[in-house]
Amino acid sequence: MKKLLVLVTILSAFAFNAHAGSHMKKGDVSKTDYLKQAEARFDRMDADKDGILTVAEKKAYSAKLKEAREAKKAKEGTKPQTK
């Protein structure tokens, strides 16, 4: 369980950087709320629900988020970013 919490914390830090402010409300956040959000994100990313995030699952989740962002931009009439 301790390893899971460490992993969730690390992954949530990555996710917060990648999606800064996308789910946060203005104001303070308790450690409990932060960890709940991180655990929920981990659960969404863990496609086979085995409690382990593989590189493939992380890449698939990132691709899904990117696709959703681009669809939203297209709906709003802006062009998706290209690299």
PDB file of N, CA and C in Angstrom:
ATOM      1  N   MET A   1       0.835  -1.199   0.000  1.00  0.00           N
ATOM      2  CA  MET A   1       0.000   0.000   0.000  1.00  0.00           C
ATOM      3  C   MET A   1       0.872   1.252   0.000  1.00  0.00           C
ATOM      4  N   LYS A   2       1.978   1.186   0.760  1.00  0.00           N
ATOM      5  CA  LYS A   2       2.861   2.342   0.822  1.00  0.00           C
ATOM      6  C   LYS A   2       3.456   2.629  -0.560  1.00  0.00           C
ATOM      7  N   LYS A   3       3.839   1.559  -1.272  1.00  0.00           N
ATOM      8  CA  LYS A   3       4.378   1.744  -2.619  1.00  0.00           C
ATOM      9  C   LYS A   3       3.336   2.346  -3.552  1.00  0.00           C
ATOM     10  N   LEU A   4       2.091   1.909  -3.391  1.00  0.00           N
ATOM     11  CA  LEU A   4       1.014   2.449  -4.212  1.00  0.00           C
ATOM     12  C   LEU A   4       0.836   3.943  -3.960  1.00  0.00           C
ATOM     13  N   LEU A   5       0.863   4.340  -2.693  1.00  0.00           N
ATOM     14  CA  LEU A   5       0.705   5.766  -2.372  1.00  0.00           C
ATOM     15  C   LEU A   5       1.858   6.590  -2.936  1.00  0.00           C
ATOM     16  N   VAL A   6       3.058   6.046  -2.859  1.00  0.00           N
ATOM     17  CA  VAL A   6       4.209   6.762  -3.422  1.00  0.00           C
ATOM     18  C   VAL A   6       4.037   6.892  -4.932  1.00  0.00           C
ATOM     19  N   LEU A   7       3.641   5.808  -5.585  1.00  0.00           N
ATOM     20  CA  LEU A   7       3.439   5.840  -7.028  1.00  0.00           C
ATOM     21  C   LEU A   7       2.330   6.812  -7.415  1.00  0.00           C
ATOM     22  N   VAL A   8       1.246   6.778  -6.667  1.00  0.00           N
ATOM     23  CA  VAL A   8       0.126   7.681  -6.942  1.00  0.00           C
ATOM     24  C   VAL A   8       0.572   9.130  -6.781  1.00  0.00           C
ATOM     25  N   THR A   9       1.335   9.409  -5.754  1.00  0.00           N
ATOM     26  CA  THR A   9       1.820  10.772  -5.523  1.00  0.00           C
ATOM     27  C   THR A   9       2.712  11.229  -6.668  1.00  0.00           C
ATOM     28  N   ILE A  10       3.611  10.370  -7.095  1.00  0.00           N
ATOM     29  CA  ILE A  10       4.513  10.711  -8.202  1.00  0.00           C
ATOM     30  C   ILE A  10       3.718  10.935  -9.482  1.00  0.00           C
ATOM     31  N   LEU A  11       2.804  10.025  -9.765  1.00  0.00           N
ATOM     32  CA  LEU A  11       2.004  10.161 -10.983  1.00  0.00           C
ATOM     33  C   LEU A  11       1.099  11.380 -10.952  1.00  0.00           C
ATOM     34  N   SER A  12       0.583  11.684  -9.772  1.00  0.00           N
ATOM     35  CA  SER A  12      -0.281  12.857  -9.681  1.00  0.00           C
ATOM     36  C   SER A  12       0.512  14.134  -9.887  1.00  0.00           C
ATOM     37  N   ALA A  13       1.760  14.140  -9.414  1.00  0.00           N
ATOM     38  CA  ALA A  13       2.606  15.317  -9.655  1.00  0.00           C
ATOM     39  C   ALA A  13       2.801  15.495 -11.154  1.00  0.00           C
ATOM     40  N   PHE A  14       3.037  14.382 -11.873  1.00  0.00           N
ATOM     41  CA  PHE A  14       3.150  14.432 -13.323  1.00  0.00           C
ATOM     42  C   PHE A  14       1.851  14.940 -13.940  1.00  0.00           C
ATOM     43  N   ALA A  15       0.766  14.400 -13.476  1.00  0.00           N
ATOM     44  CA  ALA A  15      -0.533  14.778 -14.029  1.00  0.00           C
ATOM     45  C   ALA A  15      -0.868  16.232 -13.744  1.00  0.00           C
ATOM     46  N   PHE A  16      -0.545  16.712 -12.544  1.00  0.00           N
ATOM     47  CA  PHE A  16      -0.803  18.115 -12.238  1.00  0.00           C
ATOM     48  C   PHE A  16      -0.006  19.016 -13.157  1.00  0.00           C
ATOM     49  N   ASN A  17       1.251  18.647 -13.450  1.00  0.00           N
ATOM     50  CA  ASN A  17       2.043  19.451 -14.368  1.00  0.00           C
ATOM     51  C   ASN A  17       1.468  19.389 -15.775  1.00  0.00           C
ATOM     52  N   ALA A  18       1.019  18.215 -16.177  1.00  0.00           N
ATOM     53  CA  ALA A  18       0.496  18.053 -17.526  1.00  0.00           C
ATOM     54  C   ALA A  18      -0.866  18.698 -17.711  1.00  0.00           C
ATOM     55  N   HIS A  19      -1.649  18.739 -16.663  1.00  0.00           N
ATOM     56  CA  HIS A  19      -3.019  19.239 -16.758  1.00  0.00           C
ATOM     57  C   HIS A  19      -3.274  20.276 -15.667  1.00  0.00           C
ATOM     58  N   ALA A  20      -2.369  21.207 -15.543  1.00  0.00           N
ATOM     59  CA  ALA A  20      -2.448  22.175 -14.449  1.00  0.00           C
ATOM     60  C   ALA A  20      -3.798  22.862 -14.406  1.00  0.00           C
ATOM     61  N   GLY A  21      -4.451  22.724 -13.272  1.00  0.00           N
ATOM     62  CA  GLY A  21      -5.692  23.426 -13.026  1.00  0.00           C
ATOM     63  C   GLY A  21      -6.923  22.840 -13.685  1.00  0.00           C
ATOM     64  N   SER A  22      -6.785  21.731 -14.423  1.00  0.00           N
ATOM     65  CA  SER A  22      -7.943  21.216 -15.153  1.00  0.00           C
ATOM     66  C   SER A  22      -9.026  20.663 -14.242  1.00  0.00           C
ATOM     67  N   HIS A  23      -8.684  20.233 -13.059  1.00  0.00           N
ATOM     68  CA  HIS A  23      -9.678  19.680 -12.143  1.00  0.00           C
ATOM     69  C   HIS A  23      -9.693  20.379 -10.794  1.00  0.00           C
ATOM     70  N   MET A  24      -8.812  21.342 -10.598  1.00  0.00           N
ATOM     71  CA  MET A  24      -8.695  22.013  -9.307  1.00  0.00           C
ATOM     72  C   MET A  24      -9.650  23.209  -9.237  1.00  0.00           C
ATOM     73  N   LYS A  25     -10.221  23.362  -8.082  1.00  0.00           N
ATOM     74  CA  LYS A  25     -11.040  24.545  -7.830  1.00  0.00           C
ATOM     75  C   LYS A  25     -10.164  25.574  -7.138  1.00  0.00           C
ATOM     76  N   LYS A  26     -10.564  26.790  -7.225  1.00  0.00           N
ATOM     77  CA  LYS A  26      -9.808  27.853  -6.578  1.00  0.00           C
ATOM     78  C   LYS A  26      -9.852  27.647  -5.076  1.00  0.00           C
ATOM     79  N   GLY A  27      -8.703  27.709  -4.443  1.00  0.00           N
ATOM     80  CA  GLY A  27      -8.655  27.530  -2.998  1.00  0.00           C
ATOM     81  C   GLY A  27      -7.680  26.461  -2.583  1.00  0.00           C
ATOM     82  N   ASP A  28      -7.702  26.171  -1.315  1.00  0.00           N
ATOM     83  CA  ASP A  28      -6.782  25.200  -0.738  1.00  0.00           C
ATOM     84  C   ASP A  28      -7.243  23.773  -1.005  1.00  0.00           C
ATOM     85  N   VAL A  29      -6.281  22.865  -0.965  1.00  0.00           N
ATOM     86  CA  VAL A  29      -6.560  21.445  -1.145  1.00  0.00           C
ATOM     87  C   VAL A  29      -5.903  20.682  -0.003  1.00  0.00           C
ATOM     88  N   SER A  30      -6.676  19.834   0.655  1.00  0.00           N
ATOM     89  CA  SER A  30      -6.112  19.024   1.730  1.00  0.00           C
ATOM     90  C   SER A  30      -5.347  17.849   1.142  1.00  0.00           C
ATOM     91  N   LYS A  31      -4.472  17.280   1.937  1.00  0.00           N
ATOM     92  CA  LYS A  31      -3.718  16.109   1.498  1.00  0.00           C
ATOM     93  C   LYS A  31      -4.678  14.968   1.157  1.00  0.00           C
ATOM     94  N   THR A  32      -5.712  14.809   1.963  1.00  0.00           N
ATOM     95  CA  THR A  32      -6.699  13.759   1.722  1.00  0.00           C
ATOM     96  C   THR A  32      -7.374  13.944   0.372  1.00  0.00           C
ATOM     97  N   ASP A  33      -7.811  15.154   0.075  1.00  0.00           N
ATOM     98  CA  ASP A  33      -8.457  15.422  -1.215  1.00  0.00           C
ATOM     99  C   ASP A  33      -7.484  15.227  -2.377  1.00  0.00           C
ATOM    100  N   TYR A  34      -6.258  15.679  -2.177  1.00  0.00           N
ATOM    101  CA  TYR A  34      -5.225  15.534  -3.202  1.00  0.00           C
ATOM    102  C   TYR A  34      -5.003  14.058  -3.520  1.00  0.00           C
ATOM    103  N   LEU A  35      -4.872  13.244  -2.489  1.00  0.00           N
ATOM    104  CA  LEU A  35      -4.628  11.817  -2.690  1.00  0.00           C
ATOM    105  C   LEU A  35      -5.843  11.112  -3.291  1.00  0.00           C
ATOM    106  N   LYS A  36      -7.053  11.553  -2.937  1.00  0.00           N
ATOM    107  CA  LYS A  36      -8.262  10.979  -3.538  1.00  0.00           C
ATOM    108  C   LYS A  36      -8.273  11.242  -5.039  1.00  0.00           C
ATOM    109  N   GLN A  37      -7.945  12.464  -5.417  1.00  0.00           N
ATOM    110  CA  GLN A  37      -7.911  12.815  -6.838  1.00  0.00           C
ATOM    111  C   GLN A  37      -6.831  12.028  -7.563  1.00  0.00           C
ATOM    112  N   ALA A  38      -5.676  11.891  -6.918  1.00  0.00           N
ATOM    113  CA  ALA A  38      -4.574  11.140  -7.526  1.00  0.00           C
ATOM    114  C   ALA A  38      -4.954   9.666  -7.690  1.00  0.00           C
ATOM    115  N   GLU A  39      -5.591   9.109  -6.697  1.00  0.00           N
ATOM    116  CA  GLU A  39      -5.997   7.708  -6.779  1.00  0.00           C
ATOM    117  C   GLU A  39      -7.055   7.511  -7.868  1.00  0.00           C
ATOM    118  N   ALA A  40      -7.972   8.442  -7.986  1.00  0.00           N
ATOM    119  CA  ALA A  40      -8.991   8.358  -9.032  1.00  0.00           C
ATOM    120  C   ALA A  40      -8.344   8.426 -10.417  1.00  0.00           C
ATOM    121  N   ARG A  41      -7.351   9.291 -10.558  1.00  0.00           N
ATOM    122  CA  ARG A  41      -6.642   9.414 -11.834  1.00  0.00           C
ATOM    123  C   ARG A  41      -5.892   8.116 -12.137  1.00  0.00           C
ATOM    124  N   PHE A  42      -5.235   7.567 -11.130  1.00  0.00           N
ATOM    125  CA  PHE A  42      -4.533   6.293 -11.298  1.00  0.00           C
ATOM    126  C   PHE A  42      -5.513   5.227 -11.777  1.00  0.00           C
ATOM    127  N   ASP A  43      -6.674   5.166 -11.149  1.00  0.00           N
ATOM    128  CA  ASP A  43      -7.683   4.170 -11.520  1.00  0.00           C
ATOM    129  C   ASP A  43      -8.154   4.357 -12.964  1.00  0.00           C
ATOM    130  N   ARG A  44      -8.272   5.607 -13.411  1.00  0.00           N
ATOM    131  CA  ARG A  44      -8.664   5.851 -14.806  1.00  0.00           C
ATOM    132  C   ARG A  44      -7.565   5.402 -15.774  1.00  0.00           C
ATOM    133  N   MET A  45      -6.321   5.582 -15.366  1.00  0.00           N
ATOM    134  CA  MET A  45      -5.191   5.229 -16.216  1.00  0.00           C
ATOM    135  C   MET A  45      -4.934   3.726 -16.262  1.00  0.00           C
ATOM    136  N   ASP A  46      -5.233   3.012 -15.191  1.00  0.00           N
ATOM    137  CA  ASP A  46      -4.958   1.577 -15.065  1.00  0.00           C
ATOM    138  C   ASP A  46      -6.021   0.790 -15.833  1.00  0.00           C
ATOM    139  N   ALA A  47      -5.810   0.639 -17.129  1.00  0.00           N
ATOM    140  CA  ALA A  47      -6.817   0.060 -18.014  1.00  0.00           C
ATOM    141  C   ALA A  47      -7.213  -1.363 -17.646  1.00  0.00           C
ATOM    142  N   ASP A  48      -6.268  -2.182 -17.234  1.00  0.00           N
ATOM    143  CA  ASP A  48      -6.605  -3.569 -16.909  1.00  0.00           C
ATOM    144  C   ASP A  48      -6.876  -3.791 -15.421  1.00  0.00           C
ATOM    145  N   LYS A  49      -6.872  -2.707 -14.665  1.00  0.00           N
ATOM    146  CA  LYS A  49      -7.234  -2.721 -13.234  1.00  0.00           C
ATOM    147  C   LYS A  49      -6.419  -3.724 -12.416  1.00  0.00           C
ATOM    148  N   ASP A  50      -5.106  -3.843 -12.745  1.00  0.00           N
ATOM    149  CA  ASP A  50      -4.262  -4.755 -11.990  1.00  0.00           C
ATOM    150  C   ASP A  50      -3.440  -4.038 -10.915  1.00  0.00           C
ATOM    151  N   GLY A  51      -3.642  -2.728 -10.778  1.00  0.00           N
ATOM    152  CA  GLY A  51      -2.929  -1.966  -9.759  1.00  0.00           C
ATOM    153  C   GLY A  51      -1.538  -1.545 -10.172  1.00  0.00           C
ATOM    154  N   ILE A  52      -1.206  -1.741 -11.435  1.00  0.00           N
ATOM    155  CA  ILE A  52       0.109  -1.363 -11.958  1.00  0.00           C
ATOM    156  C   ILE A  52      -0.107  -0.546 -13.228  1.00  0.00           C
ATOM    157  N   LEU A  53       0.569   0.592 -13.301  1.00  0.00           N
ATOM    158  CA  LEU A  53       0.512   1.394 -14.522  1.00  0.00           C
ATOM    159  C   LEU A  53       1.698   1.028 -15.399  1.00  0.00           C
ATOM    160  N   THR A  54       1.406   0.494 -16.546  1.00  0.00           N
ATOM    161  CA  THR A  54       2.470   0.173 -17.486  1.00  0.00           C
ATOM    162  C   THR A  54       2.762   1.412 -18.330  1.00  0.00           C
ATOM    163  N   VAL A  55       3.890   1.367 -19.016  1.00  0.00           N
ATOM    164  CA  VAL A  55       4.235   2.454 -19.931  1.00  0.00           C
ATOM    165  C   VAL A  55       3.143   2.584 -20.992  1.00  0.00           C
ATOM    166  N   ALA A  56       2.660   1.441 -21.465  1.00  0.00           N
ATOM    167  CA  ALA A  56       1.615   1.462 -22.502  1.00  0.00           C
ATOM    168  C   ALA A  56       0.340   2.112 -21.984  1.00  0.00           C
ATOM    169  N   GLU A  57      -0.042   1.835 -20.742  1.00  0.00           N
ATOM    170  CA  GLU A  57      -1.253   2.445 -20.176  1.00  0.00           C
ATOM    171  C   GLU A  57      -1.085   3.954 -20.025  1.00  0.00           C
ATOM    172  N   LYS A  58       0.100   4.379 -19.600  1.00  0.00           N
ATOM    173  CA  LYS A  58       0.344   5.826 -19.457  1.00  0.00           C
ATOM    174  C   LYS A  58       0.297   6.513 -20.820  1.00  0.00           C
ATOM    175  N   LYS A  59       0.903   5.878 -21.828  1.00  0.00           N
ATOM    176  CA  LYS A  59       0.886   6.455 -23.177  1.00  0.00           C
ATOM    177  C   LYS A  59      -0.536   6.501 -23.734  1.00  0.00           C
ATOM    178  N   ALA A  60      -1.289   5.440 -23.509  1.00  0.00           N
ATOM    179  CA  ALA A  60      -2.674   5.399 -24.004  1.00  0.00           C
ATOM    180  C   ALA A  60      -3.514   6.481 -23.343  1.00  0.00           C
ATOM    181  N   TYR A  61      -3.325   6.688 -22.049  1.00  0.00           N
ATOM    182  CA  TYR A  61      -4.078   7.713 -21.331  1.00  0.00           C
ATOM    183  C   TYR A  61      -3.709   9.100 -21.857  1.00  0.00           C
ATOM    184  N   SER A  62      -2.411   9.324 -22.058  1.00  0.00           N
ATOM    185  CA  SER A  62      -1.973  10.616 -22.591  1.00  0.00           C
ATOM    186  C   SER A  62      -2.555  10.863 -23.981  1.00  0.00           C
ATOM    187  N   ALA A  63      -2.566   9.822 -24.807  1.00  0.00           N
ATOM    188  CA  ALA A  63      -3.124   9.951 -26.154  1.00  0.00           C
ATOM    189  C   ALA A  63      -4.621  10.259 -26.094  1.00  0.00           C
ATOM    190  N   LYS A  64      -5.312   9.614 -25.155  1.00  0.00           N
ATOM    191  CA  LYS A  64      -6.747   9.857 -24.993  1.00  0.00           C
ATOM    192  C   LYS A  64      -7.007  11.313 -24.592  1.00  0.00           C
ATOM    193  N   LEU A  65      -6.199  11.833 -23.669  1.00  0.00           N
ATOM    194  CA  LEU A  65      -6.356  13.232 -23.257  1.00  0.00           C
ATOM    195  C   LEU A  65      -6.055  14.183 -24.417  1.00  0.00           C
ATOM    196  N   LYS A  66      -5.007  13.873 -25.173  1.00  0.00           N
ATOM    197  CA  LYS A  66      -4.649  14.711 -26.310  1.00  0.00           C
ATOM    198  C   LYS A  66      -5.780  14.731 -27.331  1.00  0.00           C
ATOM    199  N   GLU A  67      -6.336  13.554 -27.603  1.00  0.00           N
ATOM    200  CA  GLU A  67      -7.448  13.457 -28.551  1.00  0.00           C
ATOM    201  C   GLU A  67      -8.648  14.282 -28.080  1.00  0.00           C
ATOM    202  N   ALA A  68      -8.936  14.219 -26.798  1.00  0.00           N
ATOM    203  CA  ALA A  68     -10.061  14.979 -26.241  1.00  0.00           C
ATOM    204  C   ALA A  68      -9.810  16.485 -26.360  1.00  0.00           C
ATOM    205  N   ARG A  69      -8.561  16.917 -26.089  1.00  0.00           N
ATOM    206  CA  ARG A  69      -8.225  18.347 -26.223  1.00  0.00           C
ATOM    207  C   ARG A  69      -8.395  18.804 -27.668  1.00  0.00           C
ATOM    208  N   GLU A  70      -7.911  17.984 -28.609  1.00  0.00           N
ATOM    209  CA  GLU A  70      -7.998  18.357 -30.023  1.00  0.00           C
ATOM    210  C   GLU A  70      -9.442  18.377 -30.507  1.00  0.00           C
ATOM    211  N   ALA A  71     -10.250  17.442 -30.023  1.00  0.00           N
ATOM    212  CA  ALA A  71     -11.667  17.437 -30.389  1.00  0.00           C
ATOM    213  C   ALA A  71     -12.361  18.680 -29.852  1.00  0.00           C
ATOM    214  N   LYS A  72     -12.005  19.075 -28.642  1.00  0.00           N
ATOM    215  CA  LYS A  72     -12.593  20.276 -28.055  1.00  0.00           C
ATOM    216  C   LYS A  72     -12.191  21.512 -28.851  1.00  0.00           C
ATOM    217  N   LYS A  73     -10.911  21.579 -29.238  1.00  0.00           N
ATOM    218  CA  LYS A  73     -10.444  22.713 -30.029  1.00  0.00           C
ATOM    219  C   LYS A  73     -11.137  22.755 -31.385  1.00  0.00           C
ATOM    220  N   ALA A  74     -11.313  21.593 -31.996  1.00  0.00           N
ATOM    221  CA  ALA A  74     -11.989  21.533 -33.300  1.00  0.00           C
ATOM    222  C   ALA A  74     -13.431  21.992 -33.170  1.00  0.00           C
ATOM    223  N   LYS A  75     -14.054  21.593 -32.091  1.00  0.00           N
ATOM    224  CA  LYS A  75     -15.441  21.999 -31.854  1.00  0.00           C
ATOM    225  C   LYS A  75     -15.532  23.514 -31.661  1.00  0.00           C
ATOM    226  N   GLU A  76     -14.504  24.072 -31.033  1.00  0.00           N
ATOM    227  CA  GLU A  76     -14.479  25.528 -30.795  1.00  0.00           C
ATOM    228  C   GLU A  76     -13.980  26.285 -32.014  1.00  0.00           C
ATOM    229  N   GLY A  77     -13.545  25.574 -33.038  1.00  0.00           N
ATOM    230  CA  GLY A  77     -13.111  26.230 -34.268  1.00  0.00           C
ATOM    231  C   GLY A  77     -11.656  26.608 -34.307  1.00  0.00           C
ATOM    232  N   THR A  78     -10.831  26.035 -33.446  1.00  0.00           N
ATOM    233  CA  THR A  78      -9.405  26.294 -33.494  1.00  0.00           C
ATOM    234  C   THR A  78      -8.682  25.060 -34.002  1.00  0.00           C
ATOM    235  N   LYS A  79      -7.494  25.268 -34.539  1.00  0.00           N
ATOM    236  CA  LYS A  79      -6.716  24.167 -35.075  1.00  0.00           C
ATOM    237  C   LYS A  79      -5.975  23.450 -33.942  1.00  0.00           C
ATOM    238  N   PRO A  80      -5.857  22.103 -34.022  1.00  0.00           N
ATOM    239  CA  PRO A  80      -5.069  21.373 -33.028  1.00  0.00           C
ATOM    240  C   PRO A  80      -3.588  21.704 -33.186  1.00  0.00           C
ATOM    241  N   GLN A  81      -2.864  21.618 -32.084  1.00  0.00           N
ATOM    242  CA  GLN A  81      -1.421  21.880 -32.119  1.00  0.00           C
ATOM    243  C   GLN A  81      -0.713  20.745 -32.830  1.00  0.00           C
ATOM    244  N   THR A  82       0.316  21.102 -33.594  1.00  0.00           N
ATOM    245  CA  THR A  82       1.166  20.082 -34.211  1.00  0.00           C
ATOM    246  C   THR A  82       2.594  20.358 -33.776  1.00  0.00           C
ATOM    247  N   LYS A  83       3.344  19.278 -33.669  1.00  0.00           N
ATOM    248  CA  LYS A  83       4.753  19.429 -33.251  1.00  0.00           C
ATOM    249  C   LYS A  83       5.669  19.085 -34.379  1.00  0.00           C
TER     250      LYS A  83
END
